[in-house]
């Protein structure tokens, strides 16, 4: 039987990770499922082997299997080993920061075909407001395999709904030509009126 997929997408500070961890805990506590939490190596928050939400309330952190962001397929051997250890199937895989994962679409589809439920949280768009990684592609899997898409909400400092992740470097909006991944950056959720992208081509 195929698994089902649950997507949690939105901008920075929209509690995507907190929602992912809440659902993991619900499955463990009420459905008695074994949930394996996965962390791509490009995710630097929370420290090694920890998935952590920036929201101090609720489910703030869980231990996770950290894997090379460019090779999620290495996780398959770890799943098989864990199933041998616990003597049953791993019912659910939860992937945080899915936008960093290479081959995310095919990897997720493989897990679903193998009968695992899959939870994926991640940014839908990068700091340029362009699709980030393969997160948006996963909506096809929701249609094909069943499941849900949750648009996690964030708010601009003005009170309007924030659809953008404003990257700040030394407190100033990042230039369009900046690399997608840079150390030392920070983010704020911004609405369309207050989102700034210096150097954006017209």
Protein backbone atom coordinates (compact mmCIF):
# COMPACT_ATOMS: atom_id res chain seq x y z
CA UNK A 1 0.00 0.00 0.00
CA UNK A 2 1.31 3.44 -0.91
CA UNK A 3 2.04 6.04 1.72
CA UNK A 4 0.54 9.52 1.94
CA UNK A 5 2.32 12.84 2.02
CA UNK A 6 1.84 15.93 4.18
CA UNK A 7 3.53 19.17 3.08
CA UNK A 8 4.13 22.19 5.29
CA UNK A 9 5.30 25.19 3.24
CA UNK A 10 5.69 28.89 3.78
CA UNK A 11 8.20 31.70 4.35
CA UNK A 12 10.68 32.03 7.18
CA UNK A 13 9.21 32.31 10.69
CA UNK A 14 5.96 30.60 9.71
CA UNK A 15 6.42 27.73 12.20
CA UNK A 16 6.95 25.04 9.56
CA UNK A 17 9.39 23.06 11.70
CA UNK A 18 7.24 23.44 14.82
CA UNK A 19 4.27 22.03 12.89
CA UNK A 20 6.37 19.17 11.54
CA UNK A 21 7.52 18.22 15.03
CA UNK A 22 3.99 18.51 16.41
CA UNK A 23 2.73 16.04 13.82
CA UNK A 24 5.63 13.68 14.54
CA UNK A 25 4.76 13.71 18.24
CA UNK A 26 1.06 13.15 17.52
CA UNK A 27 1.85 10.08 15.41
CA UNK A 28 4.16 8.70 18.07
CA UNK A 29 1.86 9.39 21.00
CA UNK A 30 -1.57 8.55 19.61
CA UNK A 31 -0.95 6.28 16.62
CA UNK A 32 2.01 4.40 18.19
CA UNK A 33 3.93 4.89 14.96
CA UNK A 34 7.68 4.84 14.59
CA UNK A 35 8.62 8.20 13.10
CA UNK A 36 12.14 8.80 11.78
CA UNK A 37 13.05 12.48 11.60
CA UNK A 38 15.53 13.40 8.85
CA UNK A 39 17.77 16.45 8.68
CA UNK A 40 19.70 17.53 5.56
CA UNK A 41 23.28 18.54 6.25
CA UNK A 42 22.69 22.05 4.84
CA UNK A 43 20.36 22.79 7.76
CA UNK A 44 22.58 24.54 10.31
CA UNK A 45 20.02 25.42 12.97
CA UNK A 46 19.75 23.19 16.02
CA UNK A 47 23.20 21.64 15.81
CA UNK A 48 24.24 18.22 14.47
CA UNK A 49 21.54 15.56 14.61
CA UNK A 50 18.89 17.92 16.00
CA UNK A 51 15.85 19.35 14.24
CA UNK A 52 14.89 22.49 16.13
CA UNK A 53 12.17 25.07 15.71
CA UNK A 54 12.88 28.74 16.26
CA UNK A 55 9.52 28.93 18.04
CA UNK A 56 10.22 28.44 21.78
CA UNK A 57 6.65 27.24 22.39
CA UNK A 58 5.40 23.72 21.79
CA UNK A 59 7.56 20.97 20.29
CA UNK A 60 10.87 22.78 19.88
CA UNK A 61 13.38 20.04 19.05
CA UNK A 62 13.83 16.35 18.25
CA UNK A 63 16.75 14.07 17.53
CA UNK A 64 17.15 13.39 13.83
CA UNK A 65 19.16 11.34 11.39
CA UNK A 66 21.42 13.80 9.58
CA UNK A 67 22.22 12.98 5.95
CA UNK A 68 24.16 14.51 3.06
CA UNK A 69 21.80 16.99 1.40
CA UNK A 70 23.07 15.96 -2.03
CA UNK A 71 22.45 12.24 -1.44
CA UNK A 72 19.21 11.45 0.40
CA UNK A 73 19.37 7.89 -0.95
CA UNK A 74 21.85 6.99 1.78
CA UNK A 75 18.91 7.14 4.18
CA UNK A 76 17.37 3.98 2.71
CA UNK A 77 19.99 1.76 4.33
CA UNK A 78 19.41 3.48 7.68
CA UNK A 79 15.65 2.87 7.39
CA UNK A 80 16.24 -0.82 6.70
CA UNK A 81 18.62 -1.09 9.64
CA UNK A 82 16.18 0.66 11.98
CA UNK A 83 13.35 -1.65 10.92
CA UNK A 84 15.52 -4.65 11.78
CA UNK A 85 16.29 -3.11 15.19
CA UNK A 86 12.70 -2.33 16.15
CA UNK A 87 11.17 -5.41 14.53
CA UNK A 88 8.55 -3.52 12.53
CA UNK A 89 8.16 -0.99 9.76
CA UNK A 90 9.12 2.64 10.07
CA UNK A 91 5.66 3.99 9.38
CA UNK A 92 6.61 7.62 8.84
CA UNK A 93 9.57 9.67 7.61
CA UNK A 94 9.68 13.39 8.46
CA UNK A 95 12.00 15.64 6.42
CA UNK A 96 12.75 19.15 7.64
CA UNK A 97 14.18 21.92 5.42
CA UNK A 98 13.19 19.97 2.31
CA UNK A 99 14.27 22.80 0.02
CA UNK A 100 17.91 21.79 0.59
CA UNK A 101 17.47 18.16 -0.51
CA UNK A 102 18.73 17.10 -3.94
CA UNK A 103 16.39 14.64 -5.72
CA UNK A 104 13.68 15.48 -3.18
CA UNK A 105 10.84 14.64 -5.59
CA UNK A 106 12.16 11.21 -6.61
CA UNK A 107 13.33 10.36 -3.09
CA UNK A 108 9.95 11.23 -1.59
CA UNK A 109 8.15 9.30 -4.31
CA UNK A 110 10.32 6.26 -3.59
CA UNK A 111 9.41 6.41 0.11
CA UNK A 112 5.71 6.69 -0.72
CA UNK A 113 5.91 3.75 -3.13
CA UNK A 114 7.56 1.73 -0.34
CA UNK A 115 4.51 2.37 1.87
CA UNK A 116 5.92 5.03 4.19
CA UNK A 117 3.96 8.15 5.06
CA UNK A 118 6.14 11.20 4.45
CA UNK A 119 6.01 14.61 6.13
CA UNK A 120 8.01 17.40 4.48
CA UNK A 121 8.50 20.93 5.80
CA UNK A 122 10.37 23.62 3.91
CA UNK A 123 10.52 26.99 2.25
CA UNK A 124 8.45 27.28 -0.90
CA UNK A 125 10.52 30.21 -2.23
CA UNK A 126 14.04 31.53 -1.70
CA UNK A 127 15.06 35.09 -0.78
CA UNK A 128 14.57 36.12 -4.43
CA UNK A 129 10.96 34.89 -4.27
CA UNK A 130 11.81 32.14 -6.75
CA UNK A 131 10.85 28.45 -6.25
CA UNK A 132 13.29 26.93 -3.75
CA UNK A 133 14.58 23.47 -4.56
CA UNK A 134 11.87 20.94 -5.36
CA UNK A 135 9.37 21.87 -2.63
CA UNK A 136 6.67 23.15 -4.99
CA UNK A 137 7.03 20.04 -7.16
CA UNK A 138 5.82 17.92 -4.25
CA UNK A 139 2.28 19.22 -4.69
CA UNK A 140 1.98 16.76 -7.57
CA UNK A 141 2.65 13.92 -5.14
CA UNK A 142 -0.19 15.15 -2.91
CA UNK A 143 -2.53 14.86 -5.90
CA UNK A 144 -1.17 11.48 -6.99
CA UNK A 145 -0.75 9.75 -3.60
CA UNK A 146 -3.16 11.61 -1.36
CA UNK A 147 -2.37 13.79 1.62
CA UNK A 148 -2.42 17.48 2.36
CA UNK A 149 -0.68 20.80 1.84
CA UNK A 150 -0.53 23.23 4.74
CA UNK A 151 0.37 26.83 3.91
CA UNK A 152 2.07 27.97 7.11
CA UNK A 153 1.39 31.61 7.87
CA UNK A 154 3.85 34.34 8.79
CA UNK A 155 3.26 38.04 9.33
CA UNK A 156 5.16 41.16 8.42
CA UNK A 157 5.98 43.68 11.15
CA UNK A 158 3.22 45.87 9.67
CA UNK A 159 0.65 43.17 10.45
CA UNK A 160 -0.02 42.04 6.88
CA UNK A 161 0.44 38.44 5.80
CA UNK A 162 4.06 37.80 4.83
CA UNK A 163 4.66 35.84 1.63
CA UNK A 164 8.35 36.66 1.33
CA UNK A 165 11.51 35.74 3.23
CA UNK A 166 13.58 38.92 3.47
CA UNK A 167 17.27 38.04 3.70
CA UNK A 168 19.33 40.47 5.74
CA UNK A 169 23.14 40.62 5.70
CA UNK A 170 24.61 42.95 8.32
CA UNK A 171 21.09 44.26 8.79
CA UNK A 172 20.59 45.25 5.16
CA UNK A 173 18.53 43.56 2.40
CA UNK A 174 20.63 41.07 0.44
CA UNK A 175 21.39 41.82 -3.19
CA UNK A 176 19.74 39.72 -5.89
CA UNK A 177 23.12 38.37 -7.02
CA UNK A 178 23.96 36.87 -3.60
CA UNK A 179 24.34 33.08 -3.51
CA UNK A 180 21.29 31.14 -2.39
CA UNK A 181 23.19 29.77 0.61
CA UNK A 182 25.47 32.09 2.59
CA UNK A 183 26.72 31.93 6.20
CA UNK A 184 25.85 34.73 8.59
CA UNK A 185 22.55 35.73 7.03
CA UNK A 186 19.29 36.40 8.86
CA UNK A 187 15.69 36.56 7.73
CA UNK A 188 12.47 38.44 8.40
CA UNK A 189 9.02 37.64 7.04
CA UNK A 190 7.82 40.49 4.81
CA UNK A 191 4.66 41.41 2.94
CA UNK A 192 4.78 42.47 -0.72
CA UNK A 193 4.84 46.16 0.21
CA UNK A 194 7.88 45.86 2.48
CA UNK A 195 9.85 43.19 0.63
CA UNK A 196 13.06 44.66 -0.83
CA UNK A 197 15.38 43.01 -3.36
CA UNK A 198 18.19 45.30 -4.56
CA UNK A 199 19.40 44.52 -8.07
CA UNK A 200 16.32 42.55 -9.10
CA UNK A 201 16.09 42.48 -12.91
CA UNK A 202 12.96 44.02 -14.39
